[in-house]
């Protein structure tokens, strides 16, 4: 990438008043979960419209259930498409997981790492893309058990991306969390990701329940090993738009800006290092 990469922030409703008044220059884009916003009208709807007209927006969904056993909710997908069109949003990503079966679960469940599951997901990716008329970007997810696994996480993720011919939302924190919980080398996993598939990045904090049990909460500051992994990611895969996720325990914006500024600094260094290595 030759131009300055971008740093974004996950938008929450409690931020609307502040950002409708003024947005710090360091925030280049916002990200929202469309299902949390597409039914809003009134003041919230007007504020969202003001922001989508002033800054680029990405959408990162929660309810698509791309790996679920139940048929895709086509009405929901059409509503997502309408929301993307209404706000001129081209980036739509989702979790490589599932959250529905006989009913909707308010959690992201791991897809069995099998060849059958790869084919199932690939078929559904095409169905979604036919409706939204945009690429569907898939995120590597944190998981805490791997039921029925016949492949490694690395094999599964790369197989889905390759066979679906889709882009990846590379979540750096999820790699670190999984590496501790499932005892693999985070650096090796990161380096094995297909560079040509990476569309943008997520980085966040997590909760340390025990030395060998991390929980992906998006509710804490980013820790040193995750910062180091982000720097490695820029060196190996190039500098891509990077989003800071913070879902609760949200501090004042001036505190968040310290992490956003740090991402900017790492991007500047990464651009220099990556350009020299290619």
C-alpha atoms as a PDB file:
ATOM      1  CA  UNK A   1       0.000   0.000   0.000  1.00  0.00           C
ATOM      2  CA  UNK A   2       1.442   3.362  -0.943  1.00  0.00           C
ATOM      3  CA  UNK A   3      -0.957   5.692   0.872  1.00  0.00           C
ATOM      4  CA  UNK A   4      -1.294   6.076   4.618  1.00  0.00           C
ATOM      5  CA  UNK A   5      -3.287   3.212   6.075  1.00  0.00           C
ATOM      6  CA  UNK A   6      -6.363   3.915   8.165  1.00  0.00           C
ATOM      7  CA  UNK A   7      -7.272   3.358  11.805  1.00  0.00           C
ATOM      8  CA  UNK A   8     -10.884   2.933  12.850  1.00  0.00           C
ATOM      9  CA  UNK A   9     -13.001   2.618  15.969  1.00  0.00           C
ATOM     10  CA  UNK A  10     -16.036   0.492  16.724  1.00  0.00           C
ATOM     11  CA  UNK A  11     -18.960   2.902  17.110  1.00  0.00           C
ATOM     12  CA  UNK A  12     -21.269   2.544  20.132  1.00  0.00           C
ATOM     13  CA  UNK A  13     -24.473   4.484  20.758  1.00  0.00           C
ATOM     14  CA  UNK A  14     -23.018   6.233  23.786  1.00  0.00           C
ATOM     15  CA  UNK A  15     -20.436   7.817  21.466  1.00  0.00           C
ATOM     16  CA  UNK A  16     -22.959   9.424  19.114  1.00  0.00           C
ATOM     17  CA  UNK A  17     -23.408  12.786  20.823  1.00  0.00           C
ATOM     18  CA  UNK A  18     -19.653  13.350  21.083  1.00  0.00           C
ATOM     19  CA  UNK A  19     -18.798  12.325  17.521  1.00  0.00           C
ATOM     20  CA  UNK A  20     -21.696  14.219  15.975  1.00  0.00           C
ATOM     21  CA  UNK A  21     -20.146  17.292  17.566  1.00  0.00           C
ATOM     22  CA  UNK A  22     -16.524  16.513  16.683  1.00  0.00           C
ATOM     23  CA  UNK A  23     -14.440  13.565  15.450  1.00  0.00           C
ATOM     24  CA  UNK A  24     -10.730  13.364  16.224  1.00  0.00           C
ATOM     25  CA  UNK A  25      -8.557  13.422  13.110  1.00  0.00           C
ATOM     26  CA  UNK A  26      -6.899  10.182  14.192  1.00  0.00           C
ATOM     27  CA  UNK A  27     -10.165   8.260  13.660  1.00  0.00           C
ATOM     28  CA  UNK A  28     -10.322   7.502   9.942  1.00  0.00           C
ATOM     29  CA  UNK A  29     -13.384   5.251   9.875  1.00  0.00           C
ATOM     30  CA  UNK A  30     -16.035   3.654  12.071  1.00  0.00           C
ATOM     31  CA  UNK A  31     -17.360   0.108  12.230  1.00  0.00           C
ATOM     32  CA  UNK A  32     -20.841  -1.001  13.288  1.00  0.00           C
ATOM     33  CA  UNK A  33     -22.768  -4.238  13.579  1.00  0.00           C
ATOM     34  CA  UNK A  34     -25.608  -3.649  11.111  1.00  0.00           C
ATOM     35  CA  UNK A  35     -28.189  -5.612  13.138  1.00  0.00           C
ATOM     36  CA  UNK A  36     -27.690  -3.168  16.032  1.00  0.00           C
ATOM     37  CA  UNK A  37     -28.372  -0.119  13.856  1.00  0.00           C
ATOM     38  CA  UNK A  38     -30.559  -0.937  10.865  1.00  0.00           C
ATOM     39  CA  UNK A  39     -33.873  -0.665  12.726  1.00  0.00           C
ATOM     40  CA  UNK A  40     -33.063   2.612  14.467  1.00  0.00           C
ATOM     41  CA  UNK A  41     -34.950   5.769  13.649  1.00  0.00           C
ATOM     42  CA  UNK A  42     -35.450   9.061  15.423  1.00  0.00           C
ATOM     43  CA  UNK A  43     -32.444  10.759  17.004  1.00  0.00           C
ATOM     44  CA  UNK A  44     -30.166   7.706  16.722  1.00  0.00           C
ATOM     45  CA  UNK A  45     -31.036   7.277  13.063  1.00  0.00           C
ATOM     46  CA  UNK A  46     -30.343  10.939  12.308  1.00  0.00           C
ATOM     47  CA  UNK A  47     -27.040  10.847  14.162  1.00  0.00           C
ATOM     48  CA  UNK A  48     -25.948   7.704  12.350  1.00  0.00           C
ATOM     49  CA  UNK A  49     -26.777   9.318   9.022  1.00  0.00           C
ATOM     50  CA  UNK A  50     -24.727  12.384   9.955  1.00  0.00           C
ATOM     51  CA  UNK A  51     -21.716  10.201  10.742  1.00  0.00           C
ATOM     52  CA  UNK A  52     -21.983   7.940   7.685  1.00  0.00           C
ATOM     53  CA  UNK A  53     -22.012  11.083   5.547  1.00  0.00           C
ATOM     54  CA  UNK A  54     -18.850  12.409   7.227  1.00  0.00           C
ATOM     55  CA  UNK A  55     -16.652   9.301   7.652  1.00  0.00           C
ATOM     56  CA  UNK A  56     -16.237   5.936   5.890  1.00  0.00           C
ATOM     57  CA  UNK A  57     -18.034   3.059   7.616  1.00  0.00           C
ATOM     58  CA  UNK A  58     -17.387  -0.684   7.706  1.00  0.00           C
ATOM     59  CA  UNK A  59     -19.993  -3.216   8.810  1.00  0.00           C
ATOM     60  CA  UNK A  60     -19.077  -6.225  10.955  1.00  0.00           C
ATOM     61  CA  UNK A  61     -22.030  -8.524  11.506  1.00  0.00           C
ATOM     62  CA  UNK A  62     -23.025 -10.754  14.417  1.00  0.00           C
ATOM     63  CA  UNK A  63     -26.052 -12.747  13.262  1.00  0.00           C
ATOM     64  CA  UNK A  64     -25.361 -14.142   9.795  1.00  0.00           C
ATOM     65  CA  UNK A  65     -24.411 -17.585  11.149  1.00  0.00           C
ATOM     66  CA  UNK A  66     -22.430 -18.458   8.031  1.00  0.00           C
ATOM     67  CA  UNK A  67     -21.557 -21.916   9.379  1.00  0.00           C
ATOM     68  CA  UNK A  68     -24.894 -22.750  10.959  1.00  0.00           C
ATOM     69  CA  UNK A  69     -26.893 -25.910  10.180  1.00  0.00           C
ATOM     70  CA  UNK A  70     -30.149 -24.014   9.589  1.00  0.00           C
ATOM     71  CA  UNK A  71     -30.866 -22.359   6.243  1.00  0.00           C
ATOM     72  CA  UNK A  72     -29.594 -18.810   5.909  1.00  0.00           C
ATOM     73  CA  UNK A  73     -32.081 -16.128   6.934  1.00  0.00           C
ATOM     74  CA  UNK A  74     -32.507 -14.539   3.537  1.00  0.00           C
ATOM     75  CA  UNK A  75     -34.842 -11.818   4.808  1.00  0.00           C
ATOM     76  CA  UNK A  76     -32.183 -10.752   7.295  1.00  0.00           C
ATOM     77  CA  UNK A  77     -29.546 -10.706   4.552  1.00  0.00           C
ATOM     78  CA  UNK A  78     -31.789  -8.535   2.374  1.00  0.00           C
ATOM     79  CA  UNK A  79     -32.193  -6.120   5.284  1.00  0.00           C
ATOM     80  CA  UNK A  80     -28.411  -5.975   5.700  1.00  0.00           C
ATOM     81  CA  UNK A  81     -28.096  -5.252   1.987  1.00  0.00           C
ATOM     82  CA  UNK A  82     -30.603  -2.406   2.275  1.00  0.00           C
ATOM     83  CA  UNK A  83     -28.670  -0.935   5.217  1.00  0.00           C
ATOM     84  CA  UNK A  84     -25.372  -1.122   3.319  1.00  0.00           C
ATOM     85  CA  UNK A  85     -26.962   0.549   0.303  1.00  0.00           C
ATOM     86  CA  UNK A  86     -28.659   3.241   2.372  1.00  0.00           C
ATOM     87  CA  UNK A  87     -25.391   4.313   3.985  1.00  0.00           C
ATOM     88  CA  UNK A  88     -23.116   3.657   0.991  1.00  0.00           C
ATOM     89  CA  UNK A  89     -21.082   1.019   2.886  1.00  0.00           C
ATOM     90  CA  UNK A  90     -19.052  -1.395   0.770  1.00  0.00           C
ATOM     91  CA  UNK A  91     -17.241  -3.362   3.498  1.00  0.00           C
ATOM     92  CA  UNK A  92     -19.254  -6.163   5.136  1.00  0.00           C
ATOM     93  CA  UNK A  93     -17.512  -8.748   7.281  1.00  0.00           C
ATOM     94  CA  UNK A  94     -18.770 -11.587   9.436  1.00  0.00           C
ATOM     95  CA  UNK A  95     -17.435 -14.199  11.835  1.00  0.00           C
ATOM     96  CA  UNK A  96     -16.326 -17.585  10.552  1.00  0.00           C
ATOM     97  CA  UNK A  97     -18.637 -19.258  13.050  1.00  0.00           C
ATOM     98  CA  UNK A  98     -22.338 -19.814  13.659  1.00  0.00           C
ATOM     99  CA  UNK A  99     -24.950 -18.580  16.108  1.00  0.00           C
ATOM    100  CA  UNK A 100     -28.172 -20.345  15.122  1.00  0.00           C
ATOM    101  CA  UNK A 101     -29.655 -23.803  14.808  1.00  0.00           C
ATOM    102  CA  UNK A 102     -33.163 -24.516  16.004  1.00  0.00           C
ATOM    103  CA  UNK A 103     -33.041 -20.991  17.439  1.00  0.00           C
ATOM    104  CA  UNK A 104     -30.739 -18.009  17.720  1.00  0.00           C
ATOM    105  CA  UNK A 105     -27.910 -18.188  20.258  1.00  0.00           C
ATOM    106  CA  UNK A 106     -26.361 -15.031  21.615  1.00  0.00           C
ATOM    107  CA  UNK A 107     -22.849 -16.358  21.241  1.00  0.00           C
ATOM    108  CA  UNK A 108     -20.488 -17.329  18.444  1.00  0.00           C
ATOM    109  CA  UNK A 109     -20.009 -21.092  18.217  1.00  0.00           C
ATOM    110  CA  UNK A 110     -17.031 -22.808  16.554  1.00  0.00           C
ATOM    111  CA  UNK A 111     -17.689 -24.545  13.247  1.00  0.00           C
ATOM    112  CA  UNK A 112     -16.366 -28.134  13.207  1.00  0.00           C
ATOM    113  CA  UNK A 113     -13.026 -28.134  11.416  1.00  0.00           C
ATOM    114  CA  UNK A 114     -13.960 -30.633   8.682  1.00  0.00           C
ATOM    115  CA  UNK A 115     -13.936 -30.802   4.885  1.00  0.00           C
ATOM    116  CA  UNK A 116     -17.720 -31.086   4.958  1.00  0.00           C
ATOM    117  CA  UNK A 117     -17.957 -27.852   6.947  1.00  0.00           C
ATOM    118  CA  UNK A 118     -15.619 -26.112   4.486  1.00  0.00           C
ATOM    119  CA  UNK A 119     -17.920 -27.009   1.593  1.00  0.00           C
ATOM    120  CA  UNK A 120     -20.989 -25.962   3.624  1.00  0.00           C
ATOM    121  CA  UNK A 121     -19.527 -22.523   4.392  1.00  0.00           C
ATOM    122  CA  UNK A 122     -18.269 -21.959   0.849  1.00  0.00           C
ATOM    123  CA  UNK A 123     -21.731 -22.613  -0.590  1.00  0.00           C
ATOM    124  CA  UNK A 124     -23.321 -20.184   1.863  1.00  0.00           C
ATOM    125  CA  UNK A 125     -20.744 -17.464   1.181  1.00  0.00           C
ATOM    126  CA  UNK A 126     -21.814 -17.482  -2.455  1.00  0.00           C
ATOM    127  CA  UNK A 127     -25.482 -17.268  -1.441  1.00  0.00           C
ATOM    128  CA  UNK A 128     -24.811 -14.220   0.718  1.00  0.00           C
ATOM    129  CA  UNK A 129     -22.711 -12.465  -1.914  1.00  0.00           C
ATOM    130  CA  UNK A 130     -25.430 -12.955  -4.513  1.00  0.00           C
ATOM    131  CA  UNK A 131     -27.816 -10.982  -2.275  1.00  0.00           C
ATOM    132  CA  UNK A 132     -25.588  -8.249  -0.866  1.00  0.00           C
ATOM    133  CA  UNK A 133     -23.836  -7.666  -4.212  1.00  0.00           C
ATOM    134  CA  UNK A 134     -20.544  -7.163  -2.387  1.00  0.00           C
ATOM    135  CA  UNK A 135     -17.737  -9.432  -1.231  1.00  0.00           C
ATOM    136  CA  UNK A 136     -18.303 -11.170   2.107  1.00  0.00           C
ATOM    137  CA  UNK A 137     -15.213 -10.841   4.303  1.00  0.00           C
ATOM    138  CA  UNK A 138     -14.683 -13.545   6.939  1.00  0.00           C
ATOM    139  CA  UNK A 139     -12.992 -13.137  10.314  1.00  0.00           C
ATOM    140  CA  UNK A 140     -10.892 -15.722  12.115  1.00  0.00           C
ATOM    141  CA  UNK A 141     -12.663 -16.164  15.453  1.00  0.00           C
ATOM    142  CA  UNK A 142     -11.705 -16.974  19.015  1.00  0.00           C
ATOM    143  CA  UNK A 143     -12.972 -20.383  20.152  1.00  0.00           C
ATOM    144  CA  UNK A 144     -12.728 -22.444  23.304  1.00  0.00           C
ATOM    145  CA  UNK A 145     -13.387 -25.963  22.086  1.00  0.00           C
ATOM    146  CA  UNK A 146     -13.102 -27.701  18.712  1.00  0.00           C
ATOM    147  CA  UNK A 147     -15.850 -30.338  18.467  1.00  0.00           C
ATOM    148  CA  UNK A 148     -15.413 -32.995  15.775  1.00  0.00           C
ATOM    149  CA  UNK A 149     -12.224 -31.449  14.413  1.00  0.00           C
ATOM    150  CA  UNK A 150     -10.597 -33.340  11.537  1.00  0.00           C
ATOM    151  CA  UNK A 151      -8.357 -30.399  10.539  1.00  0.00           C
ATOM    152  CA  UNK A 152      -6.413 -27.760  12.399  1.00  0.00           C
ATOM    153  CA  UNK A 153      -7.782 -24.240  12.765  1.00  0.00           C
ATOM    154  CA  UNK A 154      -5.124 -23.049  10.327  1.00  0.00           C
ATOM    155  CA  UNK A 155      -6.078 -25.664   7.723  1.00  0.00           C
ATOM    156  CA  UNK A 156      -9.772 -24.895   8.109  1.00  0.00           C
ATOM    157  CA  UNK A 157      -9.470 -21.116   7.854  1.00  0.00           C
ATOM    158  CA  UNK A 158      -7.190 -21.196   4.820  1.00  0.00           C
ATOM    159  CA  UNK A 159      -9.356 -23.818   3.096  1.00  0.00           C
ATOM    160  CA  UNK A 160     -12.509 -21.713   3.497  1.00  0.00           C
ATOM    161  CA  UNK A 161     -10.812 -18.548   2.278  1.00  0.00           C
ATOM    162  CA  UNK A 162      -9.296 -20.324  -0.707  1.00  0.00           C
ATOM    163  CA  UNK A 163     -12.339 -22.306  -1.830  1.00  0.00           C
ATOM    164  CA  UNK A 164     -14.758 -19.420  -1.273  1.00  0.00           C
ATOM    165  CA  UNK A 165     -12.271 -17.042  -2.937  1.00  0.00           C
ATOM    166  CA  UNK A 166     -13.041 -14.432  -0.298  1.00  0.00           C
ATOM    167  CA  UNK A 167     -11.147 -11.870   1.717  1.00  0.00           C
ATOM    168  CA  UNK A 168     -10.201 -12.093   5.372  1.00  0.00           C
ATOM    169  CA  UNK A 169     -10.727  -9.849   8.363  1.00  0.00           C
ATOM    170  CA  UNK A 170      -7.613 -10.813  10.298  1.00  0.00           C
ATOM    171  CA  UNK A 171      -8.208 -10.451  14.037  1.00  0.00           C
ATOM    172  CA  UNK A 172      -4.812 -10.219  15.714  1.00  0.00           C
ATOM    173  CA  UNK A 173      -6.149 -10.570  19.247  1.00  0.00           C
ATOM    174  CA  UNK A 174      -8.093 -13.715  18.322  1.00  0.00           C
ATOM    175  CA  UNK A 175      -4.890 -15.341  17.105  1.00  0.00           C
ATOM    176  CA  UNK A 176      -3.193 -14.573  20.400  1.00  0.00           C
ATOM    177  CA  UNK A 177      -6.154 -15.730  22.519  1.00  0.00           C
ATOM    178  CA  UNK A 178      -6.416 -19.001  20.595  1.00  0.00           C
ATOM    179  CA  UNK A 179      -2.673 -19.557  20.746  1.00  0.00           C
ATOM    180  CA  UNK A 180      -2.761 -19.501  24.545  1.00  0.00           C
ATOM    181  CA  UNK A 181      -5.973 -21.491  24.918  1.00  0.00           C
ATOM    182  CA  UNK A 182      -4.980 -24.160  22.366  1.00  0.00           C
ATOM    183  CA  UNK A 183      -1.222 -24.011  22.858  1.00  0.00           C
ATOM    184  CA  UNK A 184       0.129 -23.113  19.447  1.00  0.00           C
ATOM    185  CA  UNK A 185       2.605 -20.529  18.221  1.00  0.00           C
ATOM    186  CA  UNK A 186       0.788 -17.264  17.453  1.00  0.00           C
ATOM    187  CA  UNK A 187       3.631 -15.938  15.318  1.00  0.00           C
ATOM    188  CA  UNK A 188       3.672 -19.049  13.117  1.00  0.00           C
ATOM    189  CA  UNK A 189      -0.123 -18.956  12.707  1.00  0.00           C
ATOM    190  CA  UNK A 190      -0.048 -15.286  11.760  1.00  0.00           C
ATOM    191  CA  UNK A 191       2.708 -15.781   9.205  1.00  0.00           C
ATOM    192  CA  UNK A 192       0.784 -18.672   7.630  1.00  0.00           C
ATOM    193  CA  UNK A 193      -2.221 -16.478   6.848  1.00  0.00           C
ATOM    194  CA  UNK A 194      -2.608 -15.807   3.096  1.00  0.00           C
ATOM    195  CA  UNK A 195      -1.394 -12.246   2.569  1.00  0.00           C
ATOM    196  CA  UNK A 196      -3.424 -11.793  -0.610  1.00  0.00           C
ATOM    197  CA  UNK A 197      -6.655 -12.498   1.312  1.00  0.00           C
ATOM    198  CA  UNK A 198      -6.223  -9.891   4.061  1.00  0.00           C
ATOM    199  CA  UNK A 199      -8.692  -7.000   3.722  1.00  0.00           C
ATOM    200  CA  UNK A 200      -8.401  -5.331   7.111  1.00  0.00           C
ATOM    201  CA  UNK A 201      -7.492  -6.018  10.735  1.00  0.00           C
ATOM    202  CA  UNK A 202      -9.039  -6.057  14.201  1.00  0.00           C
ATOM    203  CA  UNK A 203      -7.157  -5.528  17.430  1.00  0.00           C
ATOM    204  CA  UNK A 204      -8.603  -5.598  20.943  1.00  0.00           C
ATOM    205  CA  UNK A 205      -8.064  -6.465  24.576  1.00  0.00           C
ATOM    206  CA  UNK A 206      -9.081  -9.631  26.410  1.00  0.00           C
ATOM    207  CA  UNK A 207      -9.570 -11.034  29.920  1.00  0.00           C
ATOM    208  CA  UNK A 208      -7.053 -13.353  31.543  1.00  0.00           C
ATOM    209  CA  UNK A 209      -9.096 -15.881  33.510  1.00  0.00           C
ATOM    210  CA  UNK A 210      -5.967 -17.946  34.161  1.00  0.00           C
ATOM    211  CA  UNK A 211      -2.453 -18.106  32.738  1.00  0.00           C
ATOM    212  CA  UNK A 212      -3.627 -20.623  30.150  1.00  0.00           C
ATOM    213  CA  UNK A 213      -7.223 -19.400  29.699  1.00  0.00           C
ATOM    214  CA  UNK A 214      -7.925 -16.128  27.910  1.00  0.00           C
ATOM    215  CA  UNK A 215     -11.414 -14.816  27.114  1.00  0.00           C
ATOM    216  CA  UNK A 216     -11.981 -12.567  24.103  1.00  0.00           C
ATOM    217  CA  UNK A 217     -13.945  -9.740  25.722  1.00  0.00           C
ATOM    218  CA  UNK A 218     -13.010  -6.506  23.884  1.00  0.00           C
ATOM    219  CA  UNK A 219     -13.259  -4.924  27.307  1.00  0.00           C
ATOM    220  CA  UNK A 220      -9.676  -4.140  28.260  1.00  0.00           C
ATOM    221  CA  UNK A 221      -6.516  -2.444  27.075  1.00  0.00           C
ATOM    222  CA  UNK A 222      -4.408  -4.217  24.449  1.00  0.00           C
ATOM    223  CA  UNK A 223      -1.556  -6.191  26.002  1.00  0.00           C
ATOM    224  CA  UNK A 224       2.073  -6.201  24.931  1.00  0.00           C
ATOM    225  CA  UNK A 225       2.132  -9.592  23.117  1.00  0.00           C
ATOM    226  CA  UNK A 226      -0.831  -8.505  20.970  1.00  0.00           C
ATOM    227  CA  UNK A 227       0.877  -5.216  20.110  1.00  0.00           C
ATOM    228  CA  UNK A 228       3.943  -7.204  19.082  1.00  0.00           C
ATOM    229  CA  UNK A 229       1.798  -9.485  16.934  1.00  0.00           C
ATOM    230  CA  UNK A 230       0.284  -6.446  15.213  1.00  0.00           C
ATOM    231  CA  UNK A 231       3.753  -5.157  14.359  1.00  0.00           C
ATOM    232  CA  UNK A 232       4.674  -8.573  12.959  1.00  0.00           C
ATOM    233  CA  UNK A 233       1.458  -8.589  10.940  1.00  0.00           C
ATOM    234  CA  UNK A 234       2.359  -5.273   9.300  1.00  0.00           C
ATOM    235  CA  UNK A 235       5.855  -6.547   8.525  1.00  0.00           C
ATOM    236  CA  UNK A 236       4.644  -9.842   7.028  1.00  0.00           C
ATOM    237  CA  UNK A 237       1.318  -8.983   5.374  1.00  0.00           C
ATOM    238  CA  UNK A 238       1.626  -5.259   4.790  1.00  0.00           C
ATOM    239  CA  UNK A 239      -0.209  -2.390   6.452  1.00  0.00           C
ATOM    240  CA  UNK A 240      -3.983  -2.618   6.224  1.00  0.00           C
ATOM    241  CA  UNK A 241      -6.842  -0.613   7.751  1.00  0.00           C
ATOM    242  CA  UNK A 242      -6.960  -1.550  11.419  1.00  0.00           C
ATOM    243  CA  UNK A 243      -9.918  -1.287  13.772  1.00  0.00           C
ATOM    244  CA  UNK A 244      -9.743  -0.869  17.537  1.00  0.00           C
ATOM    245  CA  UNK A 245     -12.555  -2.868  19.174  1.00  0.00           C
ATOM    246  CA  UNK A 246     -13.853  -1.849  22.585  1.00  0.00           C
ATOM    247  CA  UNK A 247     -17.291  -3.217  23.480  1.00  0.00           C
ATOM    248  CA  UNK A 248     -17.555  -2.468  27.204  1.00  0.00           C
ATOM    249  CA  UNK A 249     -15.566  -0.839  30.010  1.00  0.00           C
ATOM    250  CA  UNK A 250     -15.304   1.914  27.414  1.00  0.00           C
ATOM    251  CA  UNK A 251     -13.100   4.762  28.632  1.00  0.00           C
ATOM    252  CA  UNK A 252     -13.214   8.365  27.505  1.00  0.00           C
ATOM    253  CA  UNK A 253     -12.282   8.961  23.888  1.00  0.00           C
ATOM    254  CA  UNK A 254      -9.000  10.596  24.898  1.00  0.00           C
ATOM    255  CA  UNK A 255      -7.964   7.273  26.446  1.00  0.00           C
ATOM    256  CA  UNK A 256      -8.986   5.302  23.345  1.00  0.00           C
ATOM    257  CA  UNK A 257      -7.035   7.754  21.221  1.00  0.00           C
ATOM    258  CA  UNK A 258      -3.817   6.678  22.938  1.00  0.00           C
ATOM    259  CA  UNK A 259      -4.259   3.178  21.472  1.00  0.00           C
ATOM    260  CA  UNK A 260      -5.429   4.590  18.135  1.00  0.00           C
ATOM    261  CA  UNK A 261      -2.322   6.800  17.951  1.00  0.00           C
ATOM    262  CA  UNK A 262      -0.153   3.796  18.787  1.00  0.00           C
ATOM    263  CA  UNK A 263      -1.687   1.882  15.871  1.00  0.00           C
ATOM    264  CA  UNK A 264      -0.913   4.834  13.596  1.00  0.00           C
ATOM    265  CA  UNK A 265       2.713   4.812  14.736  1.00  0.00           C
ATOM    266  CA  UNK A 266       3.051   1.079  14.116  1.00  0.00           C
ATOM    267  CA  UNK A 267       1.488   1.534  10.673  1.00  0.00           C
ATOM    268  CA  UNK A 268       4.017   4.189   9.751  1.00  0.00           C
ATOM    269  CA  UNK A 269       6.862   1.918  10.819  1.00  0.00           C
ATOM    270  CA  UNK A 270       5.254  -1.060   9.091  1.00  0.00           C
ATOM    271  CA  UNK A 271       4.835   0.803   5.819  1.00  0.00           C
ATOM    272  CA  UNK A 272       8.530   1.617   5.813  1.00  0.00           C
ATOM    273  CA  UNK A 273       9.615  -1.919   6.727  1.00  0.00           C
ATOM    274  CA  UNK A 274       7.221  -3.666   4.339  1.00  0.00           C
ATOM    275  CA  UNK A 275       8.198  -1.442   1.399  1.00  0.00           C
ATOM    276  CA  UNK A 276      11.861  -2.291   1.955  1.00  0.00           C
ATOM    277  CA  UNK A 277      11.176  -6.046   2.097  1.00  0.00           C
ATOM    278  CA  UNK A 278       9.225  -6.328  -1.184  1.00  0.00           C
END
